[in-house]
Amino acid sequence: MQMSAWEEKRKLGIERNSANVVVNGATVKKNLRKKRLRAARMQRLMDGIYIYMYISEVADMHFGNGKLTPCRDVLDSEYAGCSDLNTTRFLERMIQLEKPDFVVFTGDNIFGSTANDAAESMLQAFGPVMKSGIPWAAVLGNHDQESTMTREELMSFLSLMDFSLSRTFPSVEYSDHSDKVVPVPNIDGYGNYDLRIWGAPGSNFANSTVLNLYFLDSGDRAVVNGVRTYDWIKESQLSWLRNVSQKLEERKLYSDESSSGTSQYSAAIPSLAFFHIPIPEMRQGPIYNLVGNYREYTACSLVNSGVLKTLVSVGDVKAVFIGHDHTNDFCGTVGGIWFCYGGGFGYHGYGVAGWARRGRVILAELEKGEQSWGGVKMIRTWKRIDDEALSKIDEQVLWERE
């Protein structure tokens, strides 16, 4: 019986210094020592050298078996020849147009129930971003694990892929410069971690964090009092987030010049959060300042674990980016925090015929003093739809430093 890609990977005994693995005929570089060095260089790609840092969010690719997997919910005139390859072509076009510094995948990256081999599906789905050489990270949705890998195996595999900054477990080491990785004990889920983005080279913040990115595992399914529901972010994960936020608060940005070039100031480090399943408050409402489409009821857990309460209390999270509900693509404020859907990206995921697949772009703009670049002063977002022109829609400001 033919082994799955993951079984083959385990049989070959992938270790920290192994070189290459052949997975279903595809050679995947696995020299992790080089990967760590490359990751350090990739972090520098995210330094905001050119005033801006672009992040692309890709939600719900729902990749199956490549060209053999047909599209769902497209016009009759578009159905012939439509497959998963439409998804990867869209990703390639987005990357070519926006030239992002970083790409985030917010779950349901593969559609496990129709992916015969999870590893092969991931290699194809993430192929365009790996080929581009752009650093990227991912979290899991509720469908990824329905194929041939567990959630832990999926995140481990994701963390080993080329140019991936994904992690299976978070670290309790908060130094901007340390390679030390100490897993947080007893934390729920796989794929809880944060990535800290440094300031512009040569600036007062060159060796300091100017933007933090939280990634959280919102799980898949659960049963509560005999009722099947979606999973939720657990208290152990929220405790970890509060701990990281406190450490960031202790590391406020200090500069000897403000935007006017004269006075000393300190600034809290803004953060963004990424996970798959929306929180209950998005279903209960009210949602204010809505920009975009609210086409379907929010699908979320029956359990309210206090995610919103935690985000409000820590204060550094300015916006949250989610997936799951493919025909919602809006941003709106809940409890004073922006929550933004990515919009359905993948052609094998459900959608609405005639309503284009779409992806989101996030832009962090740096402050400019007379002598040096500063911290992040503004965060904006918009979407690109998969039409001939990759049309830009719904541009808005999410946060601006006062």
Protein backbone atom coordinates (compact mmCIF):
# COMPACT_ATOMS: atom_id res chain seq x y z
CA MET A 1 0.00 0.00 0.00
CA GLN A 2 1.36 3.41 -0.96
CA MET A 3 2.35 5.59 1.98
CA SER A 4 0.94 9.08 2.38
CA ALA A 5 3.37 11.97 2.04
CA TRP A 6 3.35 12.52 5.79
CA GLU A 7 4.00 8.83 6.52
CA GLU A 8 6.85 8.91 4.02
CA LYS A 9 8.22 12.02 5.70
CA ARG A 10 8.14 10.34 9.11
CA LYS A 11 9.67 7.14 7.74
CA LEU A 12 12.57 9.13 6.34
CA GLY A 13 13.17 10.52 9.82
CA ILE A 14 13.23 14.23 9.15
CA GLU A 15 15.64 15.76 11.64
CA ARG A 16 16.83 19.30 12.28
CA ASN A 17 19.73 19.04 9.85
CA SER A 18 18.23 16.83 7.14
CA ALA A 19 18.60 17.98 3.57
CA ASN A 20 15.82 17.07 1.14
CA VAL A 21 12.65 15.03 1.19
CA VAL A 22 10.92 13.62 -1.86
CA VAL A 23 7.16 13.88 -1.36
CA ASN A 24 5.09 12.31 -4.15
CA GLY A 25 7.81 13.21 -6.61
CA ALA A 26 8.29 16.79 -5.41
CA THR A 27 11.58 17.73 -3.77
CA VAL A 28 11.08 19.83 -0.66
CA LYS A 29 14.11 21.52 0.90
CA LYS A 30 14.33 20.71 4.59
CA ASN A 31 17.69 22.02 5.79
CA LEU A 32 16.40 23.63 8.95
CA ARG A 33 19.65 25.27 9.94
CA LYS A 34 19.60 27.18 6.67
CA LYS A 35 15.89 27.74 7.11
CA ARG A 36 16.49 29.50 10.45
CA LEU A 37 19.11 31.73 8.86
CA ARG A 38 16.77 32.40 5.97
CA ALA A 39 13.99 33.21 8.41
CA ALA A 40 16.19 35.88 9.99
CA ARG A 41 16.74 37.41 6.56
CA MET A 42 13.02 37.14 5.82
CA GLN A 43 12.29 39.06 8.98
CA ARG A 44 14.41 41.83 7.51
CA LEU A 45 12.22 41.79 4.41
CA MET A 46 9.42 42.87 6.72
CA ASP A 47 11.26 45.88 8.11
CA GLY A 48 9.24 48.58 6.38
CA ILE A 49 12.22 49.81 4.37
CA TYR A 50 10.04 51.63 1.86
CA ILE A 51 7.66 53.41 4.27
CA TYR A 52 5.00 50.72 3.88
CA MET A 53 4.63 47.06 4.75
CA TYR A 54 2.10 45.11 2.70
CA ILE A 55 0.42 42.00 4.10
CA SER A 56 -1.89 39.88 1.95
CA GLU A 57 -4.55 37.79 3.70
CA VAL A 58 -5.76 34.65 1.94
CA ALA A 59 -8.81 33.02 3.55
CA ASP A 60 -10.41 29.70 2.69
CA MET A 61 -8.46 28.40 -0.30
CA HIS A 62 -10.21 25.01 0.19
CA PHE A 63 -7.61 23.37 -2.06
CA GLY A 64 -8.31 19.77 -3.03
CA ASN A 65 -6.42 17.73 -5.62
CA GLY A 66 -5.35 20.42 -8.05
CA LYS A 67 -6.57 20.29 -11.63
CA LEU A 68 -8.73 17.24 -10.84
CA THR A 69 -10.85 19.19 -8.34
CA PRO A 70 -13.72 21.16 -9.92
CA CYS A 71 -14.86 24.62 -8.92
CA ARG A 72 -18.00 25.26 -6.89
CA ASP A 73 -20.56 28.02 -7.28
CA VAL A 74 -19.35 29.59 -10.49
CA LEU A 75 -21.36 30.64 -13.52
CA ASP A 76 -22.19 27.92 -16.05
CA SER A 77 -20.03 29.75 -18.56
CA GLU A 78 -17.05 29.53 -16.17
CA TYR A 79 -17.40 25.91 -15.06
CA ALA A 80 -15.63 24.09 -17.92
CA GLY A 81 -11.95 23.73 -17.05
CA CYS A 82 -12.36 25.50 -13.70
CA SER A 83 -10.41 23.82 -10.90
CA ASP A 84 -8.09 24.37 -7.95
CA LEU A 85 -5.66 25.81 -10.48
CA ASN A 86 -7.91 28.88 -10.67
CA THR A 87 -7.16 29.38 -6.97
CA THR A 88 -3.40 29.19 -7.38
CA ARG A 89 -3.53 31.42 -10.47
CA PHE A 90 -5.45 34.00 -8.43
CA LEU A 91 -2.80 33.80 -5.71
CA GLU A 92 -0.03 34.24 -8.28
CA ARG A 93 -1.77 37.30 -9.74
CA MET A 94 -2.32 38.83 -6.30
CA ILE A 95 1.35 38.40 -5.45
CA GLN A 96 2.50 39.83 -8.78
CA LEU A 97 0.25 42.89 -8.46
CA GLU A 98 0.54 43.78 -4.77
CA LYS A 99 4.10 42.54 -4.23
CA PRO A 100 3.40 41.93 -0.54
CA ASP A 101 6.13 41.75 2.07
CA PHE A 102 4.27 38.97 3.85
CA VAL A 103 1.31 36.65 3.16
CA VAL A 104 -1.03 35.24 5.82
CA PHE A 105 -3.32 32.26 5.23
CA THR A 106 -6.23 32.26 7.68
CA GLY A 107 -7.37 28.66 7.56
CA ASP A 108 -9.22 26.04 5.52
CA ASN A 109 -6.15 26.14 3.35
CA ILE A 110 -7.02 22.68 2.06
CA PHE A 111 -10.44 21.08 1.98
CA GLY A 112 -9.54 17.91 3.81
CA SER A 113 -12.55 15.83 2.82
CA THR A 114 -11.61 16.09 -0.87
CA ALA A 115 -7.81 16.21 -0.53
CA ASN A 116 -6.46 12.70 -1.07
CA ASP A 117 -3.05 13.57 0.35
CA ALA A 118 -2.79 16.54 2.70
CA ALA A 119 0.93 17.08 2.15
CA GLU A 120 0.65 17.07 -1.63
CA SER A 121 -2.36 19.41 -1.49
CA MET A 122 -0.46 21.85 0.71
CA LEU A 123 2.58 21.76 -1.55
CA GLN A 124 0.36 22.74 -4.46
CA ALA A 125 -1.77 25.27 -2.57
CA PHE A 126 1.18 27.15 -1.08
CA GLY A 127 3.30 26.67 -4.19
CA PRO A 128 2.87 30.22 -5.54
CA VAL A 129 3.98 31.90 -2.32
CA MET A 130 6.94 29.54 -1.91
CA LYS A 131 7.96 30.15 -5.51
CA SER A 132 7.78 33.91 -4.94
CA GLY A 133 10.25 33.75 -2.04
CA ILE A 134 7.96 35.94 0.07
CA PRO A 135 7.76 35.04 3.78
CA TRP A 136 4.39 33.73 4.87
CA ALA A 137 2.53 32.18 7.78
CA ALA A 138 -0.66 30.21 8.27
CA VAL A 139 -3.23 29.08 10.78
CA LEU A 140 -5.63 26.17 10.44
CA GLY A 141 -9.36 26.25 9.82
CA ASN A 142 -11.99 23.66 10.64
CA HIS A 143 -11.50 21.56 7.47
CA ASP A 144 -7.72 21.22 7.10
CA GLN A 145 -7.39 18.11 9.29
CA GLU A 146 -10.08 16.09 7.47
CA SER A 147 -7.56 14.50 5.09
CA THR A 148 -4.46 12.45 6.01
CA MET A 149 -2.85 14.57 8.77
CA THR A 150 -3.77 15.59 12.28
CA ARG A 151 -3.76 19.27 13.20
CA GLU A 152 -0.39 18.91 14.90
CA GLU A 153 1.07 17.18 11.85
CA LEU A 154 -0.35 19.87 9.57
CA MET A 155 1.24 22.70 11.54
CA SER A 156 4.54 20.84 11.81
CA PHE A 157 4.56 20.37 8.05
CA LEU A 158 3.60 24.02 7.46
CA SER A 159 6.44 25.16 9.70
CA LEU A 160 8.94 23.24 7.56
CA MET A 161 7.82 24.57 4.19
CA ASP A 162 10.02 27.00 2.28
CA PHE A 163 9.81 30.63 3.43
CA SER A 164 7.22 29.74 6.07
CA LEU A 165 7.39 31.50 9.44
CA SER A 166 4.55 29.34 10.79
CA ARG A 167 5.03 27.65 14.14
CA THR A 168 3.33 24.70 15.77
CA PHE A 169 3.80 26.06 19.29
CA PRO A 170 4.48 29.52 20.71
CA SER A 171 7.65 30.53 22.46
CA VAL A 172 8.05 32.10 25.88
CA GLU A 173 11.22 33.84 24.68
CA TYR A 174 10.37 37.44 23.83
CA SER A 175 13.79 38.80 22.88
CA ASP A 176 13.82 40.31 19.40
CA HIS A 177 17.23 38.75 18.76
CA SER A 178 17.22 35.37 20.47
CA ASP A 179 17.05 32.05 18.61
CA LYS A 180 15.93 30.36 21.82
CA VAL A 181 12.57 28.63 21.43
CA VAL A 182 10.90 27.38 24.60
CA PRO A 183 7.43 25.91 23.97
CA VAL A 184 4.62 27.19 26.16
CA PRO A 185 3.39 24.26 28.27
CA ASN A 186 -0.22 23.10 28.28
CA ILE A 187 -1.59 25.39 25.59
CA ASP A 188 -4.59 24.26 23.56
CA GLY A 189 -4.36 23.89 19.82
CA TYR A 190 -1.62 23.96 17.21
CA GLY A 191 -0.47 27.12 15.50
CA ASN A 192 -0.56 29.65 18.34
CA TYR A 193 2.40 32.01 17.91
CA ASP A 194 3.34 35.62 17.33
CA LEU A 195 5.71 37.29 14.89
CA ARG A 196 7.36 40.60 15.72
CA ILE A 197 8.21 42.99 12.91
CA TRP A 198 11.21 45.26 13.38
CA GLY A 199 11.59 48.90 12.47
CA ALA A 200 13.35 50.29 9.42
CA PRO A 201 17.12 49.67 9.21
CA GLY A 202 19.13 52.68 10.33
CA SER A 203 16.22 54.10 12.29
CA ASN A 204 15.89 54.46 16.06
CA PHE A 205 13.63 51.39 15.93
CA ALA A 206 15.87 49.21 13.75
CA ASN A 207 16.25 46.64 16.53
CA SER A 208 12.82 47.08 18.08
CA THR A 209 9.40 45.63 17.37
CA VAL A 210 7.10 48.11 15.62
CA LEU A 211 4.22 45.72 14.82
CA ASN A 212 3.23 42.39 16.33
CA LEU A 213 1.19 39.67 14.63
CA TYR A 214 -0.76 37.15 16.74
CA PHE A 215 -1.81 33.81 15.24
CA LEU A 216 -4.36 31.66 17.06
CA ASP A 217 -5.83 28.20 16.49
CA SER A 218 -9.62 28.52 16.66
CA GLY A 219 -10.03 24.74 16.35
CA ASP A 220 -12.48 22.74 14.27
CA ARG A 221 -15.57 21.12 15.81
CA ALA A 222 -16.74 20.32 19.32
CA VAL A 223 -19.75 18.93 21.16
CA VAL A 224 -21.23 20.98 24.02
CA ASN A 225 -24.03 19.45 26.10
CA GLY A 226 -24.77 17.01 23.30
CA VAL A 227 -24.92 19.75 20.67
CA ARG A 228 -22.38 19.86 17.85
CA THR A 229 -20.83 23.28 17.39
CA TYR A 230 -17.72 24.97 16.10
CA ASP A 231 -14.67 25.02 18.33
CA TRP A 232 -13.37 28.10 20.13
CA ILE A 233 -10.18 29.76 21.36
CA LYS A 234 -9.43 28.45 24.86
CA GLU A 235 -8.37 30.22 28.06
CA SER A 236 -4.84 28.79 27.82
CA GLN A 237 -4.43 30.55 24.47
CA LEU A 238 -5.85 33.80 25.81
CA SER A 239 -3.55 33.59 28.82
CA TRP A 240 -0.58 33.25 26.46
CA LEU A 241 -1.79 36.25 24.42
CA ARG A 242 -2.15 38.37 27.56
CA ASN A 243 1.38 37.41 28.59
CA VAL A 244 2.83 38.39 25.20
CA SER A 245 0.87 41.65 25.23
CA GLN A 246 2.22 42.51 28.66
CA LYS A 247 5.78 41.89 27.47
CA LEU A 248 5.15 44.14 24.47
CA GLU A 249 3.78 46.85 26.75
CA GLU A 250 7.02 46.70 28.69
CA ARG A 251 8.87 47.20 25.40
CA LYS A 252 7.17 50.41 24.33
CA LEU A 253 8.86 52.25 21.51
CA TYR A 254 11.08 55.11 22.66
CA SER A 255 12.61 57.67 20.36
CA ASP A 256 14.62 60.85 20.73
CA GLU A 257 12.60 62.44 17.97
CA SER A 258 8.89 62.61 17.31
CA SER A 259 7.33 63.18 13.92
CA SER A 260 8.18 66.86 14.41
CA GLY A 261 11.80 65.93 15.04
CA THR A 262 12.13 67.47 18.50
CA SER A 263 10.55 65.85 21.53
CA GLN A 264 10.96 62.45 23.14
CA TYR A 265 7.95 60.14 23.13
CA SER A 266 6.89 56.60 23.86
CA ALA A 267 4.38 54.59 21.88
CA ALA A 268 2.62 51.30 22.48
CA ILE A 269 3.32 48.62 19.89
CA PRO A 270 0.21 47.94 17.76
CA SER A 271 -0.78 44.36 16.99
CA LEU A 272 -2.94 42.47 14.51
CA ALA A 273 -4.53 39.07 15.12
CA PHE A 274 -5.31 36.26 12.69
CA PHE A 275 -7.54 33.22 13.23
CA HIS A 276 -10.21 31.32 11.31
CA ILE A 277 -13.55 31.02 13.13
CA PRO A 278 -15.35 34.26 14.09
CA ILE A 279 -16.25 35.00 17.70
CA PRO A 280 -19.88 34.85 18.97
CA GLU A 281 -20.15 38.64 19.29
CA MET A 282 -19.93 38.88 15.51
CA ARG A 283 -23.17 36.92 15.28
CA GLN A 284 -24.85 38.61 18.22
CA GLY A 285 -23.84 42.14 17.23
CA PRO A 286 -24.09 44.99 17.11
CA ILE A 287 -21.44 45.56 14.45
CA TYR A 288 -20.60 49.17 13.71
CA ASN A 289 -18.84 50.98 10.85
CA LEU A 290 -19.47 48.13 8.45
CA VAL A 291 -17.58 48.31 5.14
CA GLY A 292 -18.15 45.48 2.65
CA ASN A 293 -20.61 42.62 2.25
CA TYR A 294 -22.51 40.86 5.04
CA ARG A 295 -24.17 38.11 2.98
CA GLU A 296 -24.49 35.21 5.42
CA TYR A 297 -25.05 34.68 9.11
CA THR A 298 -21.85 34.37 11.08
CA ALA A 299 -21.02 30.73 11.84
CA CYS A 300 -19.31 30.49 15.22
CA SER A 301 -19.15 28.49 18.42
CA LEU A 302 -21.95 28.26 20.96
CA VAL A 303 -19.27 28.90 23.58
CA ASN A 304 -18.15 32.44 24.35
CA SER A 305 -14.67 32.00 25.80
CA GLY A 306 -13.96 35.69 26.31
CA VAL A 307 -11.85 36.43 23.23
CA LEU A 308 -13.33 39.89 22.75
CA LYS A 309 -13.01 40.70 26.44
CA THR A 310 -9.34 39.72 26.31
CA LEU A 311 -8.63 41.73 23.17
CA VAL A 312 -10.28 44.81 24.62
CA SER A 313 -8.42 44.44 27.91
CA VAL A 314 -4.94 44.07 26.39
CA GLY A 315 -5.45 47.10 24.18
CA ASP A 316 -2.73 46.46 21.60
CA VAL A 317 -4.82 44.52 19.04
CA LYS A 318 -6.12 47.05 16.53
CA ALA A 319 -7.71 44.63 14.06
CA VAL A 320 -8.56 40.94 13.75
CA PHE A 321 -8.60 39.08 10.42
CA ILE A 322 -10.71 35.96 10.00
CA GLY A 323 -12.13 33.55 7.41
CA HIS A 324 -14.76 30.79 7.58
CA ASP A 325 -17.83 32.58 6.17
CA HIS A 326 -16.91 32.81 2.50
CA THR A 327 -19.51 35.30 1.31
CA ASN A 328 -18.83 37.80 4.06
CA ASP A 329 -16.00 40.18 3.24
CA PHE A 330 -16.76 43.12 5.52
CA CYS A 331 -14.82 44.95 8.16
CA GLY A 332 -16.75 46.19 11.17
CA THR A 333 -16.08 47.17 14.75
CA VAL A 334 -17.17 45.02 17.68
CA GLY A 335 -16.33 46.30 21.13
CA GLY A 336 -14.22 49.00 19.50
CA ILE A 337 -11.99 46.51 17.64
CA TRP A 338 -12.05 45.99 13.89
CA PHE A 339 -12.94 42.48 12.71
CA CYS A 340 -12.33 41.87 9.00
CA TYR A 341 -13.27 38.89 6.86
CA GLY A 342 -10.89 37.90 4.10
CA GLY A 343 -13.71 36.86 1.77
CA GLY A 344 -13.71 33.47 0.06
CA PHE A 345 -10.50 33.05 -1.95
CA GLY A 346 -10.64 29.48 -3.22
CA TYR A 347 -12.67 28.16 -6.13
CA HIS A 348 -13.36 24.80 -4.47
CA GLY A 349 -14.97 26.49 -1.48
CA TYR A 350 -18.62 27.50 -1.54
CA GLY A 351 -19.49 30.95 -2.82
CA VAL A 352 -22.09 32.70 -4.96
CA ALA A 353 -22.04 32.29 -8.73
CA GLY A 354 -21.22 35.63 -10.29
CA TRP A 355 -19.71 37.00 -7.06
CA ALA A 356 -15.96 37.05 -7.62
CA ARG A 357 -13.48 35.31 -5.32
CA ARG A 358 -11.43 37.81 -3.35
CA GLY A 359 -8.48 38.41 -1.06
CA ARG A 360 -7.58 41.12 1.42
CA VAL A 361 -4.55 43.40 1.62
CA ILE A 362 -3.33 45.10 4.81
CA LEU A 363 -0.98 48.05 4.71
CA ALA A 364 1.07 49.28 7.69
CA GLU A 365 2.56 52.73 7.13
CA LEU A 366 5.55 53.97 9.11
CA GLU A 367 5.87 57.36 10.74
CA LYS A 368 8.53 59.66 9.27
CA GLY A 369 10.52 62.04 11.45
CA GLU A 370 13.05 64.58 10.25
CA GLN A 371 15.95 62.26 11.00
CA SER A 372 14.57 58.74 10.94
CA TRP A 373 11.66 56.41 10.35
CA GLY A 374 9.49 55.75 13.40
CA GLY A 375 6.90 53.19 14.39
CA VAL A 376 3.66 52.30 12.61
CA LYS A 377 1.43 55.36 12.26
CA MET A 378 -1.46 53.97 10.19
CA ILE A 379 -3.03 50.64 9.19
CA ARG A 380 -5.19 50.48 6.07
CA THR A 381 -6.91 47.65 4.20
CA TRP A 382 -8.69 46.87 0.94
CA LYS A 383 -9.66 43.86 -1.13
CA ARG A 384 -8.83 42.60 -4.62
CA ILE A 385 -11.41 40.63 -6.57
CA ASP A 386 -10.50 38.01 -9.14
CA ASP A 387 -11.69 39.80 -12.25
CA GLU A 388 -9.64 40.72 -15.29
CA ALA A 389 -8.27 43.87 -13.64
CA LEU A 390 -7.95 42.48 -10.09
CA SER A 391 -10.16 45.39 -9.09
CA LYS A 392 -9.46 47.15 -5.81
CA ILE A 393 -12.49 47.69 -3.57
CA ASP A 394 -13.45 48.94 -0.11
CA GLU A 395 -10.26 50.74 0.89
CA GLN A 396 -10.41 52.04 4.46
CA VAL A 397 -8.32 53.12 7.44
CA LEU A 398 -8.46 50.70 10.38
CA TRP A 399 -6.19 52.54 12.82
CA GLU A 400 -4.16 55.71 13.02
CA ARG A 401 -1.82 56.74 15.79
CA GLU A 402 -3.05 59.80 17.63
